[in-house]
């Protein structure tokens, strides 16, 4: 029973980190975004064969500037799936009305944080 409770708790914590990430983008909440991201984040997307990369600092700055707020009405529905938890590593998928994000998370002293994100427009 304890293992099921522990697993459920870990899944809820990973889900909350993913939710902080996607909801903060659409809300323009840089503080909440910073909680979700590992300082060494690499967020990548494929653009015409080129792999584009954003850092945690860039994501926080773009969020603070309201980067996703104009599209907030198109964000729903948001669906978060925790694919796997293996000790201090986890993977999750975030589907929104605009994006698909594949997240790799690490457990740190600050809790679960996103270390890598691969995303595309829907």
Foldseek 3Di string as FASTA:
>chain_A
DVVVVVVVVLQVLLQQLVCLCPVLQQVLPLVSNLLAADQQAWEWEADPNDIDTDGSVRSSVCSNVNVNNVVSVQFPPWDKDWDDDDPQWTWIWIDTSFKIKTFIWGQDPSGIHTRYIYMDTD
